[in-house]
């Protein structure tokens, strides 16, 4: 294995991109519209069915709920938001926390864990929980 990229089921890909870009500093990398045309750059008037967003080495795929259900029919009766968390290791957790804490829903405020990390968690606009963590020795 070399890499894992999460694919989040969302009701509105464009809205999810806007949330991650404006609140967490991600960048839009590429997307696909309903006609399966690849889109890069400005997507203001294009409704996307799938997209990749990136920040440094972290990459997240966002896929429209109907599109993903077509691929994976087992998701038909599943709600958006998941029962898992995204755990993102990073540098300067405290600085990032200060930068975003008033723009997002904080689930758990910045704290030191018993396993020697500094971390906090948020809930994104679709109910997914994201942890941001920094090893104590990296502070």
C-alpha atoms as a PDB file:
ATOM      1  CA  UNK A   1       0.000   0.000   0.000  1.00  0.00           C
ATOM      2  CA  UNK A   2       1.159   3.510  -0.762  1.00  0.00           C
ATOM      3  CA  UNK A   3      -1.617   5.960   0.059  1.00  0.00           C
ATOM      4  CA  UNK A   4      -5.203   6.387   1.241  1.00  0.00           C
ATOM      5  CA  UNK A   5      -7.519   9.147   0.082  1.00  0.00           C
ATOM      6  CA  UNK A   6     -10.893   9.555   1.714  1.00  0.00           C
ATOM      7  CA  UNK A   7     -13.971   9.924  -0.482  1.00  0.00           C
ATOM      8  CA  UNK A   8     -16.712  11.761   1.426  1.00  0.00           C
ATOM      9  CA  UNK A   9     -20.333  11.451   0.346  1.00  0.00           C
ATOM     10  CA  UNK A  10     -21.850  14.947   0.308  1.00  0.00           C
ATOM     11  CA  UNK A  11     -25.186  16.441  -0.792  1.00  0.00           C
ATOM     12  CA  UNK A  12     -23.500  19.400  -2.542  1.00  0.00           C
ATOM     13  CA  UNK A  13     -19.901  19.123  -3.804  1.00  0.00           C
ATOM     14  CA  UNK A  14     -19.540  22.836  -4.538  1.00  0.00           C
ATOM     15  CA  UNK A  15     -20.732  23.789  -1.055  1.00  0.00           C
ATOM     16  CA  UNK A  16     -18.309  21.307   0.506  1.00  0.00           C
ATOM     17  CA  UNK A  17     -15.425  22.727  -1.551  1.00  0.00           C
ATOM     18  CA  UNK A  18     -16.330  26.245  -0.430  1.00  0.00           C
ATOM     19  CA  UNK A  19     -16.367  25.139   3.238  1.00  0.00           C
ATOM     20  CA  UNK A  20     -12.971  23.442   3.084  1.00  0.00           C
ATOM     21  CA  UNK A  21     -11.357  26.255   1.075  1.00  0.00           C
ATOM     22  CA  UNK A  22     -12.747  29.147   3.134  1.00  0.00           C
ATOM     23  CA  UNK A  23     -12.463  27.599   6.593  1.00  0.00           C
ATOM     24  CA  UNK A  24      -9.587  25.118   6.475  1.00  0.00           C
ATOM     25  CA  UNK A  25      -7.323  26.477   3.743  1.00  0.00           C
ATOM     26  CA  UNK A  26      -7.723  23.643   1.232  1.00  0.00           C
ATOM     27  CA  UNK A  27      -7.351  24.272  -2.505  1.00  0.00           C
ATOM     28  CA  UNK A  28      -9.570  22.941  -5.264  1.00  0.00           C
ATOM     29  CA  UNK A  29      -7.487  20.544  -7.376  1.00  0.00           C
ATOM     30  CA  UNK A  30      -9.965  19.188  -9.923  1.00  0.00           C
ATOM     31  CA  UNK A  31     -13.553  18.116 -10.361  1.00  0.00           C
ATOM     32  CA  UNK A  32     -16.003  16.368 -12.632  1.00  0.00           C
ATOM     33  CA  UNK A  33     -19.406  17.737 -13.607  1.00  0.00           C
ATOM     34  CA  UNK A  34     -22.590  15.807 -14.436  1.00  0.00           C
ATOM     35  CA  UNK A  35     -21.498  15.232 -18.029  1.00  0.00           C
ATOM     36  CA  UNK A  36     -18.264  13.657 -16.765  1.00  0.00           C
ATOM     37  CA  UNK A  37     -16.144  16.555 -18.032  1.00  0.00           C
ATOM     38  CA  UNK A  38     -13.021  17.242 -15.999  1.00  0.00           C
ATOM     39  CA  UNK A  39     -12.903  20.768 -14.572  1.00  0.00           C
ATOM     40  CA  UNK A  40      -9.954  22.690 -13.196  1.00  0.00           C
ATOM     41  CA  UNK A  41      -9.604  26.349 -12.243  1.00  0.00           C
ATOM     42  CA  UNK A  42     -12.746  28.462 -11.898  1.00  0.00           C
ATOM     43  CA  UNK A  43     -15.856  26.432 -11.058  1.00  0.00           C
ATOM     44  CA  UNK A  44     -18.255  29.240 -10.099  1.00  0.00           C
ATOM     45  CA  UNK A  45     -21.075  28.271 -12.464  1.00  0.00           C
ATOM     46  CA  UNK A  46     -20.437  24.528 -12.694  1.00  0.00           C
ATOM     47  CA  UNK A  47     -22.257  21.996 -10.531  1.00  0.00           C
ATOM     48  CA  UNK A  48     -19.726  19.296  -9.684  1.00  0.00           C
ATOM     49  CA  UNK A  49     -20.496  15.663  -8.970  1.00  0.00           C
ATOM     50  CA  UNK A  50     -16.982  14.829  -7.735  1.00  0.00           C
ATOM     51  CA  UNK A  51     -13.874  16.786  -6.738  1.00  0.00           C
ATOM     52  CA  UNK A  52     -10.461  16.561  -5.134  1.00  0.00           C
ATOM     53  CA  UNK A  53      -9.314  19.179  -2.654  1.00  0.00           C
ATOM     54  CA  UNK A  54      -5.786  19.372  -1.250  1.00  0.00           C
ATOM     55  CA  UNK A  55      -3.774  21.005   1.477  1.00  0.00           C
ATOM     56  CA  UNK A  56      -0.096  20.096   1.521  1.00  0.00           C
ATOM     57  CA  UNK A  57       0.007  16.264   1.562  1.00  0.00           C
ATOM     58  CA  UNK A  58      -3.640  15.878   2.624  1.00  0.00           C
ATOM     59  CA  UNK A  59      -6.078  15.028  -0.151  1.00  0.00           C
ATOM     60  CA  UNK A  60      -9.842  14.565   0.195  1.00  0.00           C
ATOM     61  CA  UNK A  61     -12.288  13.477  -2.488  1.00  0.00           C
ATOM     62  CA  UNK A  62     -15.848  14.801  -2.344  1.00  0.00           C
ATOM     63  CA  UNK A  63     -18.574  12.943  -4.216  1.00  0.00           C
ATOM     64  CA  UNK A  64     -22.221  13.890  -4.663  1.00  0.00           C
ATOM     65  CA  UNK A  65     -24.529  11.590  -2.729  1.00  0.00           C
ATOM     66  CA  UNK A  66     -26.513  10.448  -5.815  1.00  0.00           C
ATOM     67  CA  UNK A  67     -23.343   9.789  -7.794  1.00  0.00           C
ATOM     68  CA  UNK A  68     -21.803   7.690  -5.030  1.00  0.00           C
ATOM     69  CA  UNK A  69     -25.017   5.747  -4.472  1.00  0.00           C
ATOM     70  CA  UNK A  70     -25.016   4.882  -8.180  1.00  0.00           C
ATOM     71  CA  UNK A  71     -21.519   3.428  -7.741  1.00  0.00           C
ATOM     72  CA  UNK A  72     -22.174   1.816  -4.358  1.00  0.00           C
ATOM     73  CA  UNK A  73     -25.888   0.956  -4.019  1.00  0.00           C
ATOM     74  CA  UNK A  74     -25.277  -0.220  -0.435  1.00  0.00           C
ATOM     75  CA  UNK A  75     -25.039   3.503   0.526  1.00  0.00           C
ATOM     76  CA  UNK A  76     -28.666   4.152  -0.506  1.00  0.00           C
ATOM     77  CA  UNK A  77     -30.059   4.107   3.025  1.00  0.00           C
ATOM     78  CA  UNK A  78     -26.981   5.634   4.669  1.00  0.00           C
ATOM     79  CA  UNK A  79     -26.960   9.193   5.898  1.00  0.00           C
ATOM     80  CA  UNK A  80     -24.277  11.695   4.997  1.00  0.00           C
ATOM     81  CA  UNK A  81     -21.777  12.344   7.786  1.00  0.00           C
ATOM     82  CA  UNK A  82     -20.294   8.943   8.461  1.00  0.00           C
ATOM     83  CA  UNK A  83     -19.436   7.103  11.637  1.00  0.00           C
ATOM     84  CA  UNK A  84     -15.709   7.582  11.338  1.00  0.00           C
ATOM     85  CA  UNK A  85     -13.246  10.399  11.898  1.00  0.00           C
ATOM     86  CA  UNK A  86     -10.499  11.861   9.748  1.00  0.00           C
ATOM     87  CA  UNK A  87      -7.297  12.107  11.793  1.00  0.00           C
ATOM     88  CA  UNK A  88      -4.914  14.614  10.239  1.00  0.00           C
ATOM     89  CA  UNK A  89      -1.346  14.958  11.543  1.00  0.00           C
ATOM     90  CA  UNK A  90       0.100  18.394  11.116  1.00  0.00           C
ATOM     91  CA  UNK A  91       2.561  20.991  12.364  1.00  0.00           C
ATOM     92  CA  UNK A  92       1.471  24.019  14.422  1.00  0.00           C
ATOM     93  CA  UNK A  93      -1.855  22.664  15.624  1.00  0.00           C
ATOM     94  CA  UNK A  94      -2.234  25.564  18.036  1.00  0.00           C
ATOM     95  CA  UNK A  95      -1.756  28.167  15.297  1.00  0.00           C
ATOM     96  CA  UNK A  96      -4.242  26.375  13.030  1.00  0.00           C
ATOM     97  CA  UNK A  97      -6.726  26.080  15.901  1.00  0.00           C
ATOM     98  CA  UNK A  98      -6.512  29.824  16.572  1.00  0.00           C
ATOM     99  CA  UNK A  99      -6.945  30.528  12.849  1.00  0.00           C
ATOM    100  CA  UNK A 100     -10.139  28.472  12.377  1.00  0.00           C
ATOM    101  CA  UNK A 101     -11.846  28.096  15.781  1.00  0.00           C
ATOM    102  CA  UNK A 102     -14.291  30.971  15.208  1.00  0.00           C
ATOM    103  CA  UNK A 103     -15.172  29.856  11.649  1.00  0.00           C
ATOM    104  CA  UNK A 104     -16.047  26.203  12.300  1.00  0.00           C
ATOM    105  CA  UNK A 105     -17.968  24.049  14.759  1.00  0.00           C
ATOM    106  CA  UNK A 106     -15.389  22.903  17.309  1.00  0.00           C
ATOM    107  CA  UNK A 107     -16.298  19.523  18.795  1.00  0.00           C
ATOM    108  CA  UNK A 108     -13.299  19.222  21.120  1.00  0.00           C
ATOM    109  CA  UNK A 109     -11.105  22.204  21.891  1.00  0.00           C
ATOM    110  CA  UNK A 110      -7.322  22.101  21.677  1.00  0.00           C
ATOM    111  CA  UNK A 111      -5.921  19.884  24.426  1.00  0.00           C
ATOM    112  CA  UNK A 112      -3.028  17.601  25.274  1.00  0.00           C
ATOM    113  CA  UNK A 113      -3.867  13.901  25.146  1.00  0.00           C
ATOM    114  CA  UNK A 114      -2.589  11.083  27.314  1.00  0.00           C
ATOM    115  CA  UNK A 115      -0.714   9.785  24.240  1.00  0.00           C
ATOM    116  CA  UNK A 116       1.299  13.032  23.995  1.00  0.00           C
ATOM    117  CA  UNK A 117      -0.325  14.865  21.127  1.00  0.00           C
ATOM    118  CA  UNK A 118      -1.939  18.263  20.949  1.00  0.00           C
ATOM    119  CA  UNK A 119      -5.211  17.937  19.115  1.00  0.00           C
ATOM    120  CA  UNK A 120      -8.666  19.319  18.526  1.00  0.00           C
ATOM    121  CA  UNK A 121     -11.649  18.218  16.467  1.00  0.00           C
ATOM    122  CA  UNK A 122     -14.322  19.908  14.387  1.00  0.00           C
ATOM    123  CA  UNK A 123     -17.547  18.907  12.641  1.00  0.00           C
ATOM    124  CA  UNK A 124     -17.704  19.952   8.990  1.00  0.00           C
ATOM    125  CA  UNK A 125     -20.843  21.203   7.253  1.00  0.00           C
ATOM    126  CA  UNK A 126     -21.957  17.624   6.452  1.00  0.00           C
ATOM    127  CA  UNK A 127     -21.359  16.143   9.907  1.00  0.00           C
ATOM    128  CA  UNK A 128     -17.937  14.572   9.329  1.00  0.00           C
ATOM    129  CA  UNK A 129     -15.558  14.820  12.287  1.00  0.00           C
ATOM    130  CA  UNK A 130     -11.985  15.929  11.582  1.00  0.00           C
ATOM    131  CA  UNK A 131      -9.200  15.676  14.165  1.00  0.00           C
ATOM    132  CA  UNK A 132      -6.091  17.820  13.798  1.00  0.00           C
ATOM    133  CA  UNK A 133      -3.109  16.545  15.778  1.00  0.00           C
ATOM    134  CA  UNK A 134       0.520  17.334  16.426  1.00  0.00           C
ATOM    135  CA  UNK A 135       2.969  15.117  18.276  1.00  0.00           C
ATOM    136  CA  UNK A 136       4.283  16.754  21.447  1.00  0.00           C
ATOM    137  CA  UNK A 137       7.897  16.387  20.303  1.00  0.00           C
ATOM    138  CA  UNK A 138       7.034  18.410  17.166  1.00  0.00           C
ATOM    139  CA  UNK A 139       6.071  21.510  19.182  1.00  0.00           C
END
